[in-house]
C-alpha atoms as a PDB file:
ATOM      1  CA  MET A   1      39.992 163.593 101.572  1.00  0.00           C
ATOM      2  CA  GLU A   2      40.876 161.152 104.361  1.00  0.00           C
ATOM      3  CA  LYS A   3      44.616 160.649 104.680  1.00  0.00           C
ATOM      4  CA  GLU A   4      47.148 158.564 106.593  1.00  0.00           C
ATOM      5  CA  SER A   5      50.459 159.952 107.784  1.00  0.00           C
ATOM      6  CA  VAL A   6      53.556 158.447 106.176  1.00  0.00           C
ATOM      7  CA  GLY A   7      56.603 159.963 107.828  1.00  0.00           C
ATOM      8  CA  ASN A   8      56.428 163.664 107.071  1.00  0.00           C
ATOM      9  CA  TYR A   9      53.880 163.152 104.298  1.00  0.00           C
ATOM     10  CA  LEU A  10      50.172 162.368 103.989  1.00  0.00           C
ATOM     11  CA  MET A  11      48.887 159.524 101.807  1.00  0.00           C
ATOM     12  CA  PRO A  12      45.317 159.943 100.492  1.00  0.00           C
ATOM     13  CA  GLY A  13      43.001 157.295 101.936  1.00  0.00           C
ATOM     14  CA  ILE A  14      41.828 156.003  98.583  1.00  0.00           C
ATOM     15  CA  GLY A  15      43.813 155.663  95.394  1.00  0.00           C
ATOM     16  CA  PHE A  16      43.473 154.492  91.824  1.00  0.00           C
ATOM     17  CA  GLY A  17      45.142 151.131  91.269  1.00  0.00           C
ATOM     18  CA  THR A  18      46.122 151.113  87.603  1.00  0.00           C
ATOM     19  CA  LEU A  19      46.733 147.391  86.995  1.00  0.00           C
ATOM     20  CA  GLY A  20      45.290 146.586  83.569  1.00  0.00           C
ATOM     21  CA  ASN A  21      45.055 150.220  82.436  1.00  0.00           C
ATOM     22  CA  THR A  22      47.507 150.578  79.555  1.00  0.00           C
ATOM     23  CA  GLY A  23      48.001 152.653  76.418  1.00  0.00           C
ATOM     24  CA  GLU A  24      45.948 155.709  75.559  1.00  0.00           C
ATOM     25  CA  ALA A  25      42.907 154.391  77.415  1.00  0.00           C
ATOM     26  CA  GLY A  26      45.045 154.051  80.542  1.00  0.00           C
ATOM     27  CA  SER A  27      46.365 157.590  80.185  1.00  0.00           C
ATOM     28  CA  ALA A  28      42.839 158.941  79.729  1.00  0.00           C
ATOM     29  CA  LEU A  29      41.622 157.136  82.842  1.00  0.00           C
ATOM     30  CA  VAL A  30      44.500 158.482  84.953  1.00  0.00           C
ATOM     31  CA  GLU A  31      43.737 161.988  83.698  1.00  0.00           C
ATOM     32  CA  ALA A  32      40.049 161.442  84.473  1.00  0.00           C
ATOM     33  CA  ALA A  33      40.825 160.124  87.945  1.00  0.00           C
ATOM     34  CA  LEU A  34      42.773 163.255  88.787  1.00  0.00           C
ATOM     35  CA  SER A  35      40.018 165.420  87.353  1.00  0.00           C
ATOM     36  CA  GLU A  36      37.433 163.615  89.500  1.00  0.00           C
ATOM     37  CA  GLY A  37      39.443 164.278  92.667  1.00  0.00           C
ATOM     38  CA  TYR A  38      41.853 161.377  93.112  1.00  0.00           C
ATOM     39  CA  ARG A  39      45.267 162.376  94.408  1.00  0.00           C
ATOM     40  CA  HIS A  40      46.765 158.913  94.773  1.00  0.00           C
ATOM     41  CA  ILE A  41      47.913 156.860  91.766  1.00  0.00           C
ATOM     42  CA  ASP A  42      49.410 153.364  92.109  1.00  0.00           C
ATOM     43  CA  THR A  43      51.424 151.653  89.370  1.00  0.00           C
ATOM     44  CA  SER A  44      54.342 149.232  88.918  1.00  0.00           C
ATOM     45  CA  ARG A  45      57.030 148.355  86.412  1.00  0.00           C
ATOM     46  CA  TYR A  46      55.350 144.954  86.151  1.00  0.00           C
ATOM     47  CA  TYR A  47      52.050 146.533  85.058  1.00  0.00           C
ATOM     48  CA  GLY A  48      53.700 147.796  81.876  1.00  0.00           C
ATOM     49  CA  ASN A  49      51.867 151.104  82.148  1.00  0.00           C
ATOM     50  CA  GLU A  50      54.242 153.559  83.809  1.00  0.00           C
ATOM     51  CA  ASP A  51      54.415 155.449  80.505  1.00  0.00           C
ATOM     52  CA  ALA A  52      50.623 155.596  80.257  1.00  0.00           C
ATOM     53  CA  VAL A  53      50.378 156.795  83.861  1.00  0.00           C
ATOM     54  CA  GLY A  54      53.020 159.430  83.217  1.00  0.00           C
ATOM     55  CA  ARG A  55      51.192 160.735  80.154  1.00  0.00           C
ATOM     56  CA  GLY A  56      47.925 160.958  82.075  1.00  0.00           C
ATOM     57  CA  MET A  57      49.561 162.866  84.911  1.00  0.00           C
ATOM     58  CA  GLU A  58      51.352 165.167  82.476  1.00  0.00           C
ATOM     59  CA  ARG A  59      48.081 166.056  80.746  1.00  0.00           C
ATOM     60  CA  SER A  60      46.295 166.684  84.039  1.00  0.00           C
ATOM     61  CA  ALA A  61      45.785 170.174  85.439  1.00  0.00           C
ATOM     62  CA  VAL A  62      46.614 168.829  88.911  1.00  0.00           C
ATOM     63  CA  PRO A  63      50.121 169.860  90.015  1.00  0.00           C
ATOM     64  CA  ARG A  64      52.577 167.001  90.502  1.00  0.00           C
ATOM     65  CA  ALA A  65      53.168 168.128  94.093  1.00  0.00           C
ATOM     66  CA  ASP A  66      49.507 167.397  94.887  1.00  0.00           C
ATOM     67  CA  ILE A  67      49.665 163.774  93.682  1.00  0.00           C
ATOM     68  CA  TRP A  68      50.795 160.746  95.695  1.00  0.00           C
ATOM     69  CA  LEU A  69      52.497 158.465  93.173  1.00  0.00           C
ATOM     70  CA  THR A  70      53.533 154.896  93.953  1.00  0.00           C
ATOM     71  CA  THR A  71      55.510 152.513  91.780  1.00  0.00           C
ATOM     72  CA  LYS A  72      57.075 149.114  92.411  1.00  0.00           C
ATOM     73  CA  LEU A  73      60.183 147.246  91.298  1.00  0.00           C
ATOM     74  CA  LEU A  74      61.540 143.703  91.711  1.00  0.00           C
ATOM     75  CA  HIS A  75      58.578 141.632  90.587  1.00  0.00           C
ATOM     76  CA  PRO A  76      59.779 138.015  90.145  1.00  0.00           C
ATOM     77  CA  LYS A  77      58.408 137.994  86.586  1.00  0.00           C
ATOM     78  CA  THR A  78      60.345 141.069  85.464  1.00  0.00           C
ATOM     79  CA  PRO A  79      63.956 140.771  84.214  1.00  0.00           C
ATOM     80  CA  PRO A  80      66.675 140.781  86.899  1.00  0.00           C
ATOM     81  CA  MET A  81      67.414 144.248  88.278  1.00  0.00           C
ATOM     82  CA  PRO A  82      71.030 144.363  89.479  1.00  0.00           C
ATOM     83  CA  ASP A  83      71.093 148.189  89.302  1.00  0.00           C
ATOM     84  CA  LEU A  84      68.075 149.527  91.141  1.00  0.00           C
ATOM     85  CA  ARG A  85      69.159 153.131  90.730  1.00  0.00           C
ATOM     86  CA  ALA A  86      69.104 152.734  86.950  1.00  0.00           C
ATOM     87  CA  GLU A  87      65.765 150.932  87.129  1.00  0.00           C
ATOM     88  CA  LEU A  88      64.142 153.686  89.165  1.00  0.00           C
ATOM     89  CA  ASP A  89      65.584 156.299  86.836  1.00  0.00           C
ATOM     90  CA  LYS A  90      63.888 154.414  83.986  1.00  0.00           C
ATOM     91  CA  SER A  91      60.600 154.445  85.869  1.00  0.00           C
ATOM     92  CA  LEU A  92      60.947 158.161  86.538  1.00  0.00           C
ATOM     93  CA  ARG A  93      61.515 158.831  82.847  1.00  0.00           C
ATOM     94  CA  LEU A  94      58.439 156.817  81.935  1.00  0.00           C
ATOM     95  CA  LEU A  95      56.388 158.542  84.638  1.00  0.00           C
ATOM     96  CA  ARG A  96      57.624 161.976  83.550  1.00  0.00           C
ATOM     97  CA  THR A  97      58.649 162.975  87.054  1.00  0.00           C
ATOM     98  CA  ASP A  98      61.841 163.303  89.068  1.00  0.00           C
ATOM     99  CA  TYR A  99      60.599 161.429  92.139  1.00  0.00           C
ATOM    100  CA  VAL A 100      57.965 159.005  93.358  1.00  0.00           C
ATOM    101  CA  ASP A 101      56.213 159.429  96.659  1.00  0.00           C
ATOM    102  CA  LEU A 102      56.476 155.728  97.429  1.00  0.00           C
ATOM    103  CA  LEU A 103      58.735 152.976  96.077  1.00  0.00           C
ATOM    104  CA  LEU A 104      57.867 149.374  96.938  1.00  0.00           C
ATOM    105  CA  ILE A 105      59.467 145.956  96.537  1.00  0.00           C
ATOM    106  CA  HIS A 106      56.656 144.345  94.558  1.00  0.00           C
ATOM    107  CA  TRP A 107      57.022 140.789  95.896  1.00  0.00           C
ATOM    108  CA  PRO A 108      59.371 139.038  98.313  1.00  0.00           C
ATOM    109  CA  ASN A 109      61.857 136.942  96.362  1.00  0.00           C
ATOM    110  CA  PRO A 110      64.267 134.513  98.040  1.00  0.00           C
ATOM    111  CA  THR A 111      66.668 134.847  95.086  1.00  0.00           C
ATOM    112  CA  VAL A 112      67.092 138.590  95.744  1.00  0.00           C
ATOM    113  CA  SER A 113      68.857 139.762  98.908  1.00  0.00           C
ATOM    114  CA  LEU A 114      66.344 141.683 100.984  1.00  0.00           C
ATOM    115  CA  GLU A 115      69.155 143.468 102.816  1.00  0.00           C
ATOM    116  CA  TRP A 116      70.668 144.607  99.512  1.00  0.00           C
ATOM    117  CA  ALA A 117      67.342 145.670  97.983  1.00  0.00           C
ATOM    118  CA  LEU A 118      66.206 147.663 100.990  1.00  0.00           C
ATOM    119  CA  GLY A 119      69.647 149.208 101.328  1.00  0.00           C
ATOM    120  CA  GLU A 120      69.416 150.400  97.727  1.00  0.00           C
ATOM    121  CA  PHE A 121      65.885 151.690  98.305  1.00  0.00           C
ATOM    122  CA  ALA A 122      67.047 153.596 101.397  1.00  0.00           C
ATOM    123  CA  ALA A 123      69.840 155.168  99.333  1.00  0.00           C
ATOM    124  CA  LEU A 124      67.331 156.218  96.668  1.00  0.00           C
ATOM    125  CA  ARG A 125      65.216 157.779  99.377  1.00  0.00           C
ATOM    126  CA  GLN A 126      68.252 159.654 100.638  1.00  0.00           C
ATOM    127  CA  LEU A 127      68.840 160.954  97.108  1.00  0.00           C
ATOM    128  CA  GLY A 128      65.246 162.238  96.914  1.00  0.00           C
ATOM    129  CA  ARG A 129      64.165 159.921  94.124  1.00  0.00           C
ATOM    130  CA  ALA A 130      61.621 158.304  96.465  1.00  0.00           C
ATOM    131  CA  ARG A 131      60.060 160.121  99.383  1.00  0.00           C
ATOM    132  CA  ALA A 132      59.107 156.914 101.175  1.00  0.00           C
ATOM    133  CA  ILE A 133      59.919 153.239 100.718  1.00  0.00           C
ATOM    134  CA  GLY A 134      58.209 149.995 101.608  1.00  0.00           C
ATOM    135  CA  VAL A 135      57.244 146.495 100.555  1.00  0.00           C
ATOM    136  CA  SER A 136      54.332 144.674  98.982  1.00  0.00           C
ATOM    137  CA  ASN A 137      52.895 141.191  99.527  1.00  0.00           C
ATOM    138  CA  PHE A 138      55.050 140.653 102.626  1.00  0.00           C
ATOM    139  CA  THR A 139      53.770 138.409 105.398  1.00  0.00           C
ATOM    140  CA  THR A 140      54.029 139.384 109.056  1.00  0.00           C
ATOM    141  CA  SER A 141      57.299 137.505 109.528  1.00  0.00           C
ATOM    142  CA  LEU A 142      58.794 138.911 106.317  1.00  0.00           C
ATOM    143  CA  LEU A 143      57.786 142.430 107.297  1.00  0.00           C
ATOM    144  CA  LYS A 144      59.513 141.960 110.644  1.00  0.00           C
ATOM    145  CA  GLN A 145      62.676 140.921 108.796  1.00  0.00           C
ATOM    146  CA  ALA A 146      62.422 143.963 106.538  1.00  0.00           C
ATOM    147  CA  LEU A 147      61.980 146.281 109.508  1.00  0.00           C
ATOM    148  CA  GLU A 148      65.150 144.890 111.074  1.00  0.00           C
ATOM    149  CA  ILE A 149      66.983 146.119 107.965  1.00  0.00           C
ATOM    150  CA  VAL A 150      65.225 149.474 107.545  1.00  0.00           C
ATOM    151  CA  GLY A 151      63.266 150.417 110.636  1.00  0.00           C
ATOM    152  CA  ASP A 152      61.219 153.235 109.142  1.00  0.00           C
ATOM    153  CA  LEU A 153      59.530 151.550 106.191  1.00  0.00           C
ATOM    154  CA  ALA A 154      56.291 153.292 105.294  1.00  0.00           C
ATOM    155  CA  VAL A 155      53.967 150.737 103.715  1.00  0.00           C
ATOM    156  CA  ASN A 156      53.139 147.093 103.159  1.00  0.00           C
ATOM    157  CA  GLN A 157      50.747 146.698 100.234  1.00  0.00           C
ATOM    158  CA  VAL A 158      48.814 143.428 100.475  1.00  0.00           C
ATOM    159  CA  GLU A 159      45.570 141.792  99.457  1.00  0.00           C
ATOM    160  CA  TYR A 160      42.884 142.873 101.915  1.00  0.00           C
ATOM    161  CA  HIS A 161      39.107 142.666 101.726  1.00  0.00           C
ATOM    162  CA  PRO A 162      36.189 141.480 103.897  1.00  0.00           C
ATOM    163  CA  TYR A 163      36.889 137.823 103.089  1.00  0.00           C
ATOM    164  CA  LEU A 164      40.571 137.920 104.114  1.00  0.00           C
ATOM    165  CA  ASP A 165      41.586 138.644 107.704  1.00  0.00           C
ATOM    166  CA  GLN A 166      44.913 140.456 108.042  1.00  0.00           C
ATOM    167  CA  HIS A 167      44.729 140.895 111.822  1.00  0.00           C
ATOM    168  CA  ALA A 168      48.333 139.937 112.656  1.00  0.00           C
ATOM    169  CA  LEU A 169      49.757 142.084 109.892  1.00  0.00           C
ATOM    170  CA  LEU A 170      47.554 145.039 110.840  1.00  0.00           C
ATOM    171  CA  GLN A 171      48.694 144.786 114.447  1.00  0.00           C
ATOM    172  CA  LEU A 172      52.340 144.956 113.385  1.00  0.00           C
ATOM    173  CA  VAL A 173      51.674 147.790 110.926  1.00  0.00           C
ATOM    174  CA  ARG A 174      49.998 149.866 113.614  1.00  0.00           C
ATOM    175  CA  GLU A 175      52.618 149.101 116.241  1.00  0.00           C
ATOM    176  CA  ARG A 176      55.401 150.220 113.923  1.00  0.00           C
ATOM    177  CA  GLY A 177      53.629 153.214 112.366  1.00  0.00           C
ATOM    178  CA  LEU A 178      53.309 151.840 108.842  1.00  0.00           C
ATOM    179  CA  VAL A 179      50.303 151.991 106.531  1.00  0.00           C
ATOM    180  CA  LEU A 180      48.679 148.930 104.986  1.00  0.00           C
ATOM    181  CA  THR A 181      47.544 149.639 101.436  1.00  0.00           C
ATOM    182  CA  ALA A 182      44.882 147.186 100.320  1.00  0.00           C
ATOM    183  CA  HIS A 183      45.121 145.819  96.826  1.00  0.00           C
ATOM    184  CA  SER A 184      42.263 143.690  95.449  1.00  0.00           C
ATOM    185  CA  PRO A 185      39.938 145.381  97.980  1.00  0.00           C
ATOM    186  CA  LEU A 186      36.854 143.827  96.369  1.00  0.00           C
ATOM    187  CA  ALA A 187      38.475 140.371  96.063  1.00  0.00           C
ATOM    188  CA  ARG A 188      38.304 140.802  92.266  1.00  0.00           C
ATOM    189  CA  GLY A 189      34.526 141.018  92.589  1.00  0.00           C
ATOM    190  CA  ALA A 190      34.062 137.991  94.864  1.00  0.00           C
ATOM    191  CA  VAL A 191      32.532 140.040  97.698  1.00  0.00           C
ATOM    192  CA  LEU A 192      30.023 141.929  95.580  1.00  0.00           C
ATOM    193  CA  GLY A 193      27.235 139.370  95.936  1.00  0.00           C
ATOM    194  CA  ASP A 194      27.680 138.905  99.675  1.00  0.00           C
ATOM    195  CA  PRO A 195      24.278 139.173 101.423  1.00  0.00           C
ATOM    196  CA  VAL A 196      25.657 141.098 104.404  1.00  0.00           C
ATOM    197  CA  LEU A 197      27.271 143.707 102.172  1.00  0.00           C
ATOM    198  CA  ARG A 198      24.210 143.876  99.945  1.00  0.00           C
ATOM    199  CA  GLU A 199      21.863 144.354 102.904  1.00  0.00           C
ATOM    200  CA  ILE A 200      23.918 147.261 104.212  1.00  0.00           C
ATOM    201  CA  ALA A 201      24.216 148.687 100.704  1.00  0.00           C
ATOM    202  CA  ASP A 202      20.489 148.464  99.989  1.00  0.00           C
ATOM    203  CA  ARG A 203      19.589 150.062 103.299  1.00  0.00           C
ATOM    204  CA  ARG A 204      22.066 152.894 102.689  1.00  0.00           C
ATOM    205  CA  ARG A 205      21.288 153.235  98.950  1.00  0.00           C
ATOM    206  CA  LEU A 206      24.877 152.399  98.156  1.00  0.00           C
ATOM    207  CA  SER A 207      26.596 149.622  96.232  1.00  0.00           C
ATOM    208  CA  ALA A 208      28.207 146.567  97.793  1.00  0.00           C
ATOM    209  CA  ALA A 209      31.506 147.799  96.359  1.00  0.00           C
ATOM    210  CA  GLN A 210      31.154 151.123  98.142  1.00  0.00           C
ATOM    211  CA  VAL A 211      30.336 149.416 101.446  1.00  0.00           C
ATOM    212  CA  SER A 212      33.344 147.117 101.127  1.00  0.00           C
ATOM    213  CA  LEU A 213      35.696 149.972 100.257  1.00  0.00           C
ATOM    214  CA  ARG A 214      34.343 152.109 103.091  1.00  0.00           C
ATOM    215  CA  TRP A 215      34.997 149.256 105.527  1.00  0.00           C
ATOM    216  CA  ILE A 216      38.653 149.352 104.448  1.00  0.00           C
ATOM    217  CA  VAL A 217      39.299 153.093 104.470  1.00  0.00           C
ATOM    218  CA  GLN A 218      37.499 153.551 107.792  1.00  0.00           C
ATOM    219  CA  GLN A 219      40.103 151.365 109.514  1.00  0.00           C
ATOM    220  CA  GLU A 220      43.105 152.888 111.244  1.00  0.00           C
ATOM    221  CA  ARG A 221      46.305 152.932 109.152  1.00  0.00           C
ATOM    222  CA  VAL A 222      44.626 151.353 106.106  1.00  0.00           C
ATOM    223  CA  VAL A 223      44.318 152.777 102.575  1.00  0.00           C
ATOM    224  CA  ALA A 224      42.407 151.240  99.644  1.00  0.00           C
ATOM    225  CA  ILE A 225      43.590 151.235  96.030  1.00  0.00           C
ATOM    226  CA  PRO A 226      40.727 149.847  93.951  1.00  0.00           C
ATOM    227  CA  GLY A 227      41.011 149.582  90.214  1.00  0.00           C
ATOM    228  CA  ALA A 228      38.569 150.968  87.676  1.00  0.00           C
ATOM    229  CA  GLN A 229      37.852 150.528  83.990  1.00  0.00           C
ATOM    230  CA  THR A 230      35.452 153.448  83.518  1.00  0.00           C
ATOM    231  CA  VAL A 231      35.029 157.015  84.726  1.00  0.00           C
ATOM    232  CA  GLU A 232      31.776 155.978  86.396  1.00  0.00           C
ATOM    233  CA  GLN A 233      33.617 153.362  88.455  1.00  0.00           C
ATOM    234  CA  LEU A 234      36.155 155.997  89.460  1.00  0.00           C
ATOM    235  CA  ARG A 235      33.347 158.260  90.649  1.00  0.00           C
ATOM    236  CA  GLU A 236      31.553 155.518  92.546  1.00  0.00           C
ATOM    237  CA  ASN A 237      34.741 154.467  94.333  1.00  0.00           C
ATOM    238  CA  LEU A 238      35.562 158.016  95.370  1.00  0.00           C
ATOM    239  CA  LYS A 239      32.136 158.433  96.995  1.00  0.00           C
ATOM    240  CA  VAL A 240      33.244 156.182  99.862  1.00  0.00           C
ATOM    241  CA  LEU A 241      34.806 159.280 101.408  1.00  0.00           C
ATOM    242  CA  THR A 242      31.371 160.876 101.821  1.00  0.00           C
ATOM    243  CA  PHE A 243      29.825 158.503 104.390  1.00  0.00           C
ATOM    244  CA  SER A 244      30.738 156.357 107.400  1.00  0.00           C
ATOM    245  CA  LEU A 245      29.687 152.911 108.589  1.00  0.00           C
ATOM    246  CA  THR A 246      28.377 152.325 112.100  1.00  0.00           C
ATOM    247  CA  PRO A 247      30.418 150.226 114.554  1.00  0.00           C
ATOM    248  CA  GLU A 248      27.798 147.482 114.166  1.00  0.00           C
ATOM    249  CA  GLU A 249      28.147 147.536 110.379  1.00  0.00           C
ATOM    250  CA  MET A 250      31.939 147.475 110.627  1.00  0.00           C
ATOM    251  CA  ALA A 251      31.777 144.460 112.964  1.00  0.00           C
ATOM    252  CA  ALA A 252      29.325 142.602 110.719  1.00  0.00           C
ATOM    253  CA  ILE A 253      31.639 143.045 107.730  1.00  0.00           C
ATOM    254  CA  SER A 254      34.720 142.044 109.720  1.00  0.00           C
ATOM    255  CA  ALA A 255      32.925 138.821 110.666  1.00  0.00           C
ATOM    256  CA  LEU A 256      32.815 137.802 106.986  1.00  0.00           C
ATOM    257  CA  ALA A 257      36.503 136.783 106.955  1.00  0.00           C
ATOM    258  CA  ARG A 258      36.853 133.204 105.700  1.00  0.00           C
ATOM    259  CA  GLY A 259      40.440 132.984 104.485  1.00  0.00           C
ATOM    260  CA  THR A 260      39.623 133.649 100.834  1.00  0.00           C
ATOM    261  CA  ARG A 261      42.791 134.693  99.001  1.00  0.00           C
ATOM    262  CA  ILE A 262      42.417 135.790  95.386  1.00  0.00           C
ATOM    263  CA  VAL A 263      46.039 136.624  94.557  1.00  0.00           C
ATOM    264  CA  ASP A 264      48.147 133.532  95.259  1.00  0.00           C
ATOM    265  CA  PRO A 265      50.751 133.051  92.490  1.00  0.00           C
ATOM    266  CA  PRO A 266      53.430 130.344  92.527  1.00  0.00           C
ATOM    267  CA  HIS A 267      56.044 132.926  93.512  1.00  0.00           C
ATOM    268  CA  GLY A 268      54.052 134.021  96.567  1.00  0.00           C
ATOM    269  CA  PRO A 269      55.406 133.483 100.088  1.00  0.00           C
ATOM    270  CA  ALA A 270      54.040 131.120 102.739  1.00  0.00           C
ATOM    271  CA  TRP A 271      51.142 133.289 103.825  1.00  0.00           C
ATOM    272  CA  ASP A 272      50.079 134.087 107.366  1.00  0.00           C
ATOM    273  CA  PRO A 273      47.528 131.581 108.747  1.00  0.00           C
ATOM    274  CA  ALA A 274      43.988 132.494 107.703  1.00  0.00           C
END
């Protein structure tokens, strides 16, 4: 499996984003994902499924040490979290593990001190409760601010797909040795009917989803975390590790960027120019 280096660790190049996968069905899908070959599971306190993810991992035959597990805290819609150590301990109990591989600030929030939050995250990393720490949904300028506080952040997880250029953010990520993890890598389905993607897919006997995901994971310092609702979707997504796109195909897909942003809630920051 393709991987990106994160400090002393390796993050698998494609993961299972578990947003929307709750309860027993969510647990079963996590267990199935691990059985199919996934080694990267992404969740969040906000998703309300850390317990389901933990049950799925616990039932899996895959050793915990072989799984890259990400969770997130400090979503603006979750209750205030004045004690981040207690909050992560709660997540660890729900996830049935004693550490996460990656802990992220879920969204920037002007009402929460970034210096305080990252300082607490760094302390949790020092304690071994999180192997790596980072941020999510941070713009280029916000990521620069975060890196002034903690210079060795590992990840910025942001929306990224063929319709949304993240050139400035990618440049900073690569300069500073971070990884960009792409959420909403299919633009919640918006790219699936694109004629350029469909032409490449038809010629290659692939799906437009597979072409779009391959475009992401083939880029330097970029990891994709697509969601799935069925085992078949899990399998189809994982197949993107079995082929490569040509430079011409990569360029044609990159040219599709049009500033389309799917995830733009009221609590979002002032985004980078499209």
